[in-house]
Amino acid sequence: MSLQKKRGFGPDQVVDLGNYENRWTAEEIQSHVKRGKFIGFRFLDLKKYAGDYLHEELYNIAIRADGNRGNADITISQSYEKKGWRYDPFPPIIDVKENVKDGRTRIRAAIIKNETFIPVAVYDYPEETDEKTAYVQCLSEGLIGNDDLLTRPTKYGDLLEAGISAVTDGNIEHDKTEIIKLLQTEFEAERFIDSLDIPVLADDIFDAVSGGKKAIWDIDRKDVLEYLRKSPDLPADACLDSDDICLNGKRVFVYAAPSDTNRGRLWGMISREIPQESYVVLYTTKKIPSKIKKGYDEFMEYIDWRYKECFEIVNRTFEANGQSMIKIKSPTKKPWKVLGVIPQLNMDGDHDKLRLAKKLIKLEEYC
């Protein structure tokens, strides 16, 4: 008989699998998976990962819009430290061979906290011999497993990411009808989004795939900085914002667009440099090619608006103090220059050539 209690997680906490007994109905337990048959709750031995929380088995499969880039595992590990193990969320899910089906982030968090075990729910899944079909089924199990999570439930962006992967790496045809069928039948998308959004999501998935591959070169900020260091379009007086020292040079600020948070941060960085001029380079983490240009334009329109707003505030202040004759206009020449955007379209001859040469696209020339 396997152990039912182990000491770990919170201060002097004893984790008791008995607390899961009768916590959910059989129907609720089954709702966390699409194909598996529930076997029971037990402890997963984390020592097999040898302290490696970045183990390949623990990487989030393609169902998270933020992939593995966030710090949710750190946040959860801190919660374990302060509050211990919580029984309310359904535990991570594994199969009878100890392959993780859901809950990878929570398992990484436990490893970060140096725990040697974690409670899991075990299910027996039918064997699928076709590799691509099995991959799509794995995607749906991950999406459905996140259904009741309060902190990181499945969202539109996660369905988008999973849908793209199902078409590029799974057995789903690049066809809108097939994609809608995938969303409704396999992913059970109505668990997570309004049914009216499903055709829109299908369109986005369709547009995000080109020639059987992802339409957008998926990069992060680190990739962009490496690209820029080799780019002939980087001016001689440019200092990348990762450089500690910038003597007699101009800062280059690199941000992903669109993003309300990033545009606010960019304005803060630009305003801090004024009157010194600075440079801006943009890239996208979005998946839909047709929406990229609008995202870039609106991102920089916000910066223009914030700059003009400064002068409007000063003019209103003068007017309120009886000095309405004084009007200060914002200069035509802005204290920043957009060097360009990263060419990220796949299966596009022009973008392919520009990437090979490590060049940028002028924002006004992007189409």
Protein backbone atom coordinates (compact mmCIF):
# COMPACT_ATOMS: atom_id res chain seq x y z
CA MET A 1 0.00 0.00 0.00
CA SER A 2 1.42 3.38 -1.02
CA LEU A 3 2.03 6.16 1.47
CA GLN A 4 -0.91 8.48 2.09
CA LYS A 5 0.95 11.19 4.02
CA LYS A 6 4.25 13.01 3.55
CA ARG A 7 5.85 15.96 5.27
CA GLY A 8 6.68 18.88 2.99
CA PHE A 9 5.71 22.14 1.32
CA GLY A 10 4.54 24.56 4.06
CA PRO A 11 6.18 24.95 7.47
CA ASP A 12 5.64 21.67 9.33
CA GLN A 13 2.92 20.70 6.88
CA VAL A 14 1.91 17.10 6.39
CA VAL A 15 0.40 16.59 2.94
CA ASP A 16 -2.40 14.04 3.23
CA LEU A 17 -3.87 12.38 0.16
CA GLY A 18 -6.88 11.55 2.31
CA ASN A 19 -7.95 15.18 1.96
CA TYR A 20 -8.80 14.44 -1.66
CA GLU A 21 -11.23 11.65 -0.78
CA ASN A 22 -14.83 12.66 -1.58
CA ARG A 23 -13.65 16.17 -2.40
CA TRP A 24 -15.09 15.91 -5.91
CA THR A 25 -17.70 13.72 -7.49
CA ALA A 26 -16.68 11.06 -9.99
CA GLU A 27 -18.12 13.27 -12.74
CA GLU A 28 -16.06 16.27 -11.62
CA ILE A 29 -12.90 14.18 -11.51
CA GLN A 30 -13.54 12.89 -15.01
CA SER A 31 -14.18 16.42 -16.31
CA HIS A 32 -10.47 17.25 -16.00
CA VAL A 33 -9.54 14.95 -18.88
CA LYS A 34 -10.95 14.06 -22.25
CA ARG A 35 -9.93 10.42 -22.64
CA GLY A 36 -8.29 9.17 -19.46
CA LYS A 37 -9.84 6.88 -16.88
CA PHE A 38 -9.26 7.96 -13.28
CA ILE A 39 -7.08 5.59 -11.23
CA GLY A 40 -6.49 7.52 -8.02
CA PHE A 41 -4.38 10.10 -6.18
CA ARG A 42 -0.78 9.46 -5.21
CA PHE A 43 2.58 11.17 -4.77
CA LEU A 44 4.88 11.72 -7.75
CA ASP A 45 8.56 11.28 -6.86
CA LEU A 46 10.35 14.44 -8.02
CA LYS A 47 13.82 13.07 -7.41
CA LYS A 48 13.79 11.62 -10.93
CA TYR A 49 14.22 15.18 -12.24
CA ALA A 50 17.43 15.59 -10.19
CA GLY A 51 16.53 19.17 -9.24
CA ASP A 52 16.23 20.24 -12.88
CA TYR A 53 13.08 22.34 -13.01
CA LEU A 54 13.84 23.06 -16.68
CA HIS A 55 13.68 19.37 -17.54
CA GLU A 56 12.30 18.81 -21.04
CA GLU A 57 9.37 16.80 -19.65
CA LEU A 58 8.28 19.86 -17.67
CA TYR A 59 8.21 22.37 -20.50
CA ASN A 60 4.72 23.62 -21.21
CA ILE A 61 3.46 22.10 -24.43
CA ALA A 62 2.08 24.54 -26.96
CA ILE A 63 -1.08 25.51 -25.07
CA ARG A 64 0.18 28.60 -23.27
CA ALA A 65 0.23 31.97 -25.01
CA ASP A 66 3.28 32.92 -22.94
CA GLY A 67 4.96 29.55 -23.39
CA ASN A 68 7.59 29.08 -20.67
CA ARG A 69 8.63 32.74 -20.60
CA GLY A 70 6.70 33.87 -17.55
CA ASN A 71 7.70 33.50 -13.91
CA ALA A 72 4.57 31.70 -12.72
CA ASP A 73 6.67 28.82 -11.39
CA ILE A 74 8.60 31.24 -9.16
CA THR A 75 5.38 32.83 -7.91
CA ILE A 76 3.81 29.46 -7.13
CA SER A 77 6.96 28.25 -5.33
CA GLN A 78 6.76 31.34 -3.11
CA SER A 79 3.13 30.49 -2.41
CA TYR A 80 4.19 26.98 -1.38
CA GLU A 81 6.70 28.56 1.01
CA LYS A 82 4.14 30.85 2.64
CA LYS A 83 0.90 28.88 2.44
CA GLY A 84 1.96 25.30 1.83
CA TRP A 85 0.09 22.84 -0.34
CA ARG A 86 -3.50 23.81 -1.13
CA TYR A 87 -6.10 21.12 -1.74
CA ASP A 88 -8.73 23.21 -3.51
CA PRO A 89 -7.19 23.24 -7.02
CA PHE A 90 -7.24 19.88 -8.74
CA PRO A 91 -3.69 18.45 -8.54
CA PRO A 92 -1.35 17.94 -11.51
CA ILE A 93 -2.27 15.05 -13.77
CA ILE A 94 -0.06 12.16 -14.91
CA ASP A 95 -0.65 8.91 -16.77
CA VAL A 96 0.18 5.43 -15.52
CA LYS A 97 3.69 5.74 -17.00
CA GLU A 98 4.27 8.99 -15.05
CA ASN A 99 4.11 11.19 -18.15
CA VAL A 100 2.89 14.63 -17.08
CA LYS A 101 -0.38 15.59 -18.75
CA ASP A 102 -1.19 18.78 -16.85
CA GLY A 103 0.31 20.87 -14.05
CA ARG A 104 3.87 21.26 -15.32
CA THR A 105 4.22 24.74 -13.86
CA ARG A 106 3.21 23.54 -10.40
CA ILE A 107 5.67 20.67 -10.63
CA ARG A 108 8.48 23.05 -11.64
CA ALA A 109 7.54 25.25 -8.69
CA ALA A 110 7.84 22.30 -6.30
CA ILE A 111 11.28 21.46 -7.68
CA ILE A 112 12.36 25.09 -7.30
CA LYS A 113 11.34 24.84 -3.64
CA ASN A 114 13.44 21.65 -3.33
CA GLU A 115 10.44 19.43 -2.64
CA THR A 116 10.93 15.72 -3.30
CA PHE A 117 7.30 14.87 -4.09
CA ILE A 118 4.03 16.38 -5.25
CA PRO A 119 0.42 15.08 -5.07
CA VAL A 120 -0.95 14.07 -8.47
CA ALA A 121 -4.04 12.54 -10.03
CA VAL A 122 -3.34 9.42 -12.09
CA TYR A 123 -5.33 8.52 -15.22
CA ASP A 124 -5.07 5.63 -17.63
CA TYR A 125 -5.15 6.84 -21.24
CA PRO A 126 -5.80 4.71 -24.33
CA GLU A 127 -2.78 4.15 -26.57
CA GLU A 128 -2.65 6.23 -29.77
CA THR A 129 -0.26 4.85 -32.41
CA ASP A 130 -0.38 7.81 -34.79
CA GLU A 131 2.15 10.36 -33.52
CA LYS A 132 0.42 13.46 -34.91
CA THR A 133 -2.98 12.41 -33.61
CA ALA A 134 -1.44 11.74 -30.21
CA TYR A 135 0.09 15.22 -30.26
CA VAL A 136 -3.28 16.91 -30.86
CA GLN A 137 -4.84 14.80 -28.12
CA CYS A 138 -2.06 15.90 -25.78
CA LEU A 139 -2.87 19.52 -26.57
CA SER A 140 -6.56 19.04 -25.75
CA GLU A 141 -5.76 17.26 -22.48
CA GLY A 142 -3.62 20.22 -21.42
CA LEU A 143 -6.30 22.77 -22.29
CA ILE A 144 -9.08 20.84 -20.54
CA GLY A 145 -6.90 20.14 -17.52
CA ASN A 146 -6.67 23.89 -16.92
CA ASP A 147 -10.44 24.37 -16.93
CA ASP A 148 -10.95 25.01 -13.21
CA LEU A 149 -7.72 26.86 -12.44
CA LEU A 150 -8.29 30.28 -10.87
CA THR A 151 -4.82 31.70 -11.48
CA ARG A 152 -4.04 30.42 -14.98
CA PRO A 153 -7.21 29.16 -16.69
CA THR A 154 -7.23 28.44 -20.41
CA LYS A 155 -7.86 31.64 -22.39
CA TYR A 156 -8.33 32.73 -26.00
CA GLY A 157 -4.58 33.10 -26.51
CA ASP A 158 -3.92 29.58 -25.22
CA LEU A 159 -6.50 28.13 -27.62
CA LEU A 160 -4.87 30.13 -30.42
CA GLU A 161 -1.43 28.76 -29.57
CA ALA A 162 -2.72 25.19 -29.34
CA GLY A 163 -4.65 25.55 -32.60
CA ILE A 164 -1.60 26.79 -34.47
CA SER A 165 0.43 23.86 -33.16
CA ALA A 166 -2.31 21.38 -34.07
CA VAL A 167 -2.16 22.58 -37.69
CA THR A 168 1.62 22.92 -37.98
CA ASP A 169 2.67 19.85 -35.97
CA GLY A 170 -0.47 17.76 -35.64
CA ASN A 171 -2.90 16.09 -38.02
CA ILE A 172 -5.26 19.06 -38.55
CA GLU A 173 -5.63 20.37 -42.11
CA HIS A 174 -5.03 24.06 -42.85
CA ASP A 175 -8.73 24.51 -43.51
CA LYS A 176 -11.16 26.73 -41.63
CA THR A 177 -13.86 24.08 -41.42
CA GLU A 178 -11.41 21.56 -39.97
CA ILE A 179 -10.09 24.15 -37.53
CA ILE A 180 -13.60 24.96 -36.27
CA LYS A 181 -14.21 21.23 -35.84
CA LEU A 182 -10.96 20.99 -33.86
CA LEU A 183 -12.01 23.85 -31.58
CA GLN A 184 -15.54 22.64 -30.98
CA THR A 185 -15.01 18.88 -30.75
CA GLU A 186 -11.44 18.20 -29.69
CA PHE A 187 -10.56 21.33 -27.69
CA GLU A 188 -14.10 21.88 -26.34
CA ALA A 189 -13.49 25.60 -26.72
CA GLU A 190 -16.91 26.58 -25.38
CA ARG A 191 -15.59 25.64 -21.92
CA PHE A 192 -13.33 28.68 -22.12
CA ILE A 193 -14.68 31.28 -24.58
CA ASP A 194 -18.02 32.41 -25.96
CA SER A 195 -19.31 30.31 -28.85
CA LEU A 196 -19.51 33.47 -31.00
CA ASP A 197 -15.74 33.86 -30.67
CA ILE A 198 -14.98 30.43 -32.11
CA PRO A 199 -15.26 31.46 -35.82
CA VAL A 200 -13.04 34.47 -35.08
CA LEU A 201 -10.52 32.22 -33.36
CA ALA A 202 -10.59 29.82 -36.31
CA ASP A 203 -9.82 32.72 -38.66
CA ASP A 204 -6.90 33.77 -36.47
CA ILE A 205 -5.49 30.23 -36.41
CA PHE A 206 -5.88 29.96 -40.18
CA ASP A 207 -4.10 33.30 -40.74
CA ALA A 208 -1.32 32.40 -38.30
CA VAL A 209 -0.22 29.45 -40.47
CA SER A 210 1.54 29.82 -43.81
CA GLY A 211 2.81 26.95 -45.93
CA GLY A 212 2.25 24.50 -43.10
CA LYS A 213 4.44 26.52 -40.74
CA LYS A 214 3.88 29.28 -38.22
CA ALA A 215 3.45 32.50 -40.18
CA ILE A 216 5.48 34.51 -37.67
CA TRP A 217 9.08 34.01 -36.60
CA ASP A 218 8.60 33.55 -32.86
CA ILE A 219 11.26 35.51 -30.97
CA ASP A 220 11.78 37.14 -27.60
CA ARG A 221 13.66 40.23 -26.47
CA LYS A 222 16.93 38.37 -26.05
CA ASP A 223 16.72 37.21 -29.68
CA VAL A 224 16.10 40.78 -30.83
CA LEU A 225 19.11 42.16 -28.96
CA GLU A 226 21.33 39.49 -30.50
CA TYR A 227 19.89 40.33 -33.95
CA LEU A 228 20.55 44.05 -33.49
CA ARG A 229 24.16 43.58 -32.46
CA LYS A 230 24.76 42.10 -35.92
CA SER A 231 22.55 44.54 -37.81
CA PRO A 232 24.00 47.08 -40.29
CA ASP A 233 20.99 49.28 -39.46
CA LEU A 234 22.18 49.89 -35.91
CA PRO A 235 23.76 53.40 -35.87
CA ALA A 236 27.33 53.82 -34.67
CA ASP A 237 26.18 55.98 -31.74
CA ALA A 238 23.57 53.46 -30.59
CA CYS A 239 23.69 51.92 -27.12
CA LEU A 240 21.40 48.94 -26.69
CA ASP A 241 19.35 49.24 -23.51
CA SER A 242 21.15 46.19 -22.15
CA ASP A 243 24.46 48.10 -22.21
CA ASP A 244 25.49 49.32 -18.78
CA ILE A 245 27.47 52.31 -20.04
CA CYS A 246 26.43 54.73 -22.80
CA LEU A 247 28.89 57.61 -23.18
CA ASN A 248 28.02 60.19 -25.85
CA GLY A 249 25.60 57.76 -27.42
CA LYS A 250 21.87 57.26 -27.81
CA ARG A 251 19.89 54.57 -26.07
CA VAL A 252 18.06 51.96 -28.15
CA PHE A 253 14.81 50.83 -26.58
CA VAL A 254 13.49 47.44 -27.70
CA TYR A 255 9.84 46.57 -27.06
CA ALA A 256 7.22 44.09 -28.23
CA ALA A 257 4.07 45.63 -29.72
CA PRO A 258 1.16 45.81 -29.32
CA SER A 259 1.16 45.98 -25.54
CA ASP A 260 -0.41 48.59 -23.26
CA THR A 261 2.19 47.85 -20.60
CA ASN A 262 5.12 48.11 -23.01
CA ARG A 263 4.00 51.37 -24.57
CA GLY A 264 3.80 52.93 -21.11
CA ARG A 265 7.26 51.63 -20.31
CA LEU A 266 8.66 52.92 -23.60
CA TRP A 267 7.28 56.40 -22.95
CA GLY A 268 8.84 56.35 -19.51
CA MET A 269 12.24 55.43 -20.94
CA ILE A 270 12.05 58.02 -23.74
CA SER A 271 10.96 60.82 -21.40
CA ARG A 272 13.81 60.00 -19.04
CA GLU A 273 16.32 60.55 -21.88
CA ILE A 274 14.89 63.88 -23.07
CA PRO A 275 16.44 66.19 -24.30
CA GLN A 276 18.82 63.47 -25.50
CA GLU A 277 17.46 61.64 -28.54
CA SER A 278 16.87 57.91 -28.35
CA TYR A 279 16.22 55.08 -30.79
CA VAL A 280 13.33 52.59 -30.87
CA VAL A 281 13.13 49.08 -32.35
CA LEU A 282 9.90 47.08 -32.30
CA TYR A 283 9.06 43.41 -32.72
CA THR A 284 5.89 41.39 -32.20
CA THR A 285 4.92 38.38 -30.13
CA LYS A 286 1.55 38.19 -31.85
CA LYS A 287 0.69 35.38 -34.24
CA ILE A 288 -1.59 37.03 -36.82
CA PRO A 289 0.28 38.73 -39.72
CA SER A 290 -2.68 40.89 -40.77
CA LYS A 291 -2.80 42.56 -37.34
CA ILE A 292 0.89 43.37 -36.91
CA LYS A 293 1.10 46.69 -38.79
CA LYS A 294 -1.90 48.14 -36.95
CA GLY A 295 -0.35 47.09 -33.65
CA TYR A 296 2.92 48.87 -34.48
CA ASP A 297 1.15 52.04 -35.66
CA GLU A 298 -1.10 52.32 -32.59
CA PHE A 299 1.86 51.62 -30.32
CA MET A 300 3.83 54.60 -31.67
CA GLU A 301 0.73 56.82 -31.96
CA TYR A 302 0.45 56.49 -28.19
CA ILE A 303 4.04 57.73 -27.78
CA ASP A 304 3.28 60.71 -30.07
CA TRP A 305 0.16 61.49 -28.04
CA ARG A 306 2.03 61.40 -24.72
CA TYR A 307 4.67 63.76 -26.10
CA LYS A 308 2.08 66.28 -27.34
CA GLU A 309 0.17 65.95 -24.07
CA CYS A 310 3.16 67.35 -22.18
CA PHE A 311 2.94 70.62 -24.11
CA GLU A 312 -0.84 70.75 -23.75
CA ILE A 313 -0.49 70.45 -19.97
CA VAL A 314 1.97 73.34 -19.90
CA ASN A 315 -0.29 75.49 -22.11
CA ARG A 316 -3.34 74.77 -19.94
CA THR A 317 -1.32 75.71 -16.88
CA PHE A 318 -0.31 79.04 -18.43
CA GLU A 319 -3.93 79.69 -19.42
CA ALA A 320 -5.21 78.94 -15.91
CA ASN A 321 -2.74 81.52 -14.58
CA GLY A 322 -3.88 84.27 -16.95
CA GLN A 323 -1.04 83.80 -19.43
CA SER A 324 -3.14 82.66 -22.37
CA MET A 325 -0.91 84.54 -24.83
CA ILE A 326 1.80 81.95 -24.25
CA LYS A 327 1.41 78.88 -26.47
CA ILE A 328 4.12 76.28 -26.81
CA LYS A 329 3.85 73.93 -29.75
CA SER A 330 5.40 70.49 -29.72
CA PRO A 331 8.41 70.35 -32.05
CA THR A 332 7.98 68.60 -35.37
CA LYS A 333 11.25 66.75 -34.75
CA LYS A 334 10.67 64.24 -32.00
CA PRO A 335 13.34 63.31 -29.44
CA TRP A 336 13.23 59.70 -30.63
CA LYS A 337 13.65 57.84 -33.90
CA VAL A 338 12.13 54.50 -34.81
CA LEU A 339 14.96 52.57 -36.46
CA GLY A 340 12.53 49.95 -37.67
CA VAL A 341 10.90 46.64 -36.87
CA ILE A 342 12.21 43.08 -37.02
CA PRO A 343 11.19 41.20 -40.21
CA GLN A 344 9.29 38.27 -38.72
CA LEU A 345 7.10 36.89 -41.51
CA ASN A 346 7.92 33.30 -42.44
CA MET A 347 7.46 32.06 -45.99
CA ASP A 348 7.95 35.64 -47.22
CA GLY A 349 10.83 36.23 -49.65
CA ASP A 350 11.47 39.84 -48.65
CA HIS A 351 11.46 39.10 -44.93
CA ASP A 352 13.67 36.05 -45.45
CA LYS A 353 16.29 38.16 -47.26
CA LEU A 354 16.15 40.92 -44.64
CA ARG A 355 16.56 38.41 -41.80
CA LEU A 356 19.54 36.84 -43.52
CA ALA A 357 21.17 40.27 -43.73
CA LYS A 358 20.09 41.16 -40.16
CA LYS A 359 18.32 44.26 -41.45
CA LEU A 360 15.27 46.15 -40.15
CA ILE A 361 12.09 47.27 -41.92
CA LYS A 362 11.21 50.94 -41.74
CA LEU A 363 7.89 51.29 -39.94
CA GLU A 364 6.41 53.40 -42.74
CA GLU A 365 7.40 50.70 -45.27
CA TYR A 366 5.90 47.77 -43.35
CA CYS A 367 2.83 46.35 -45.03
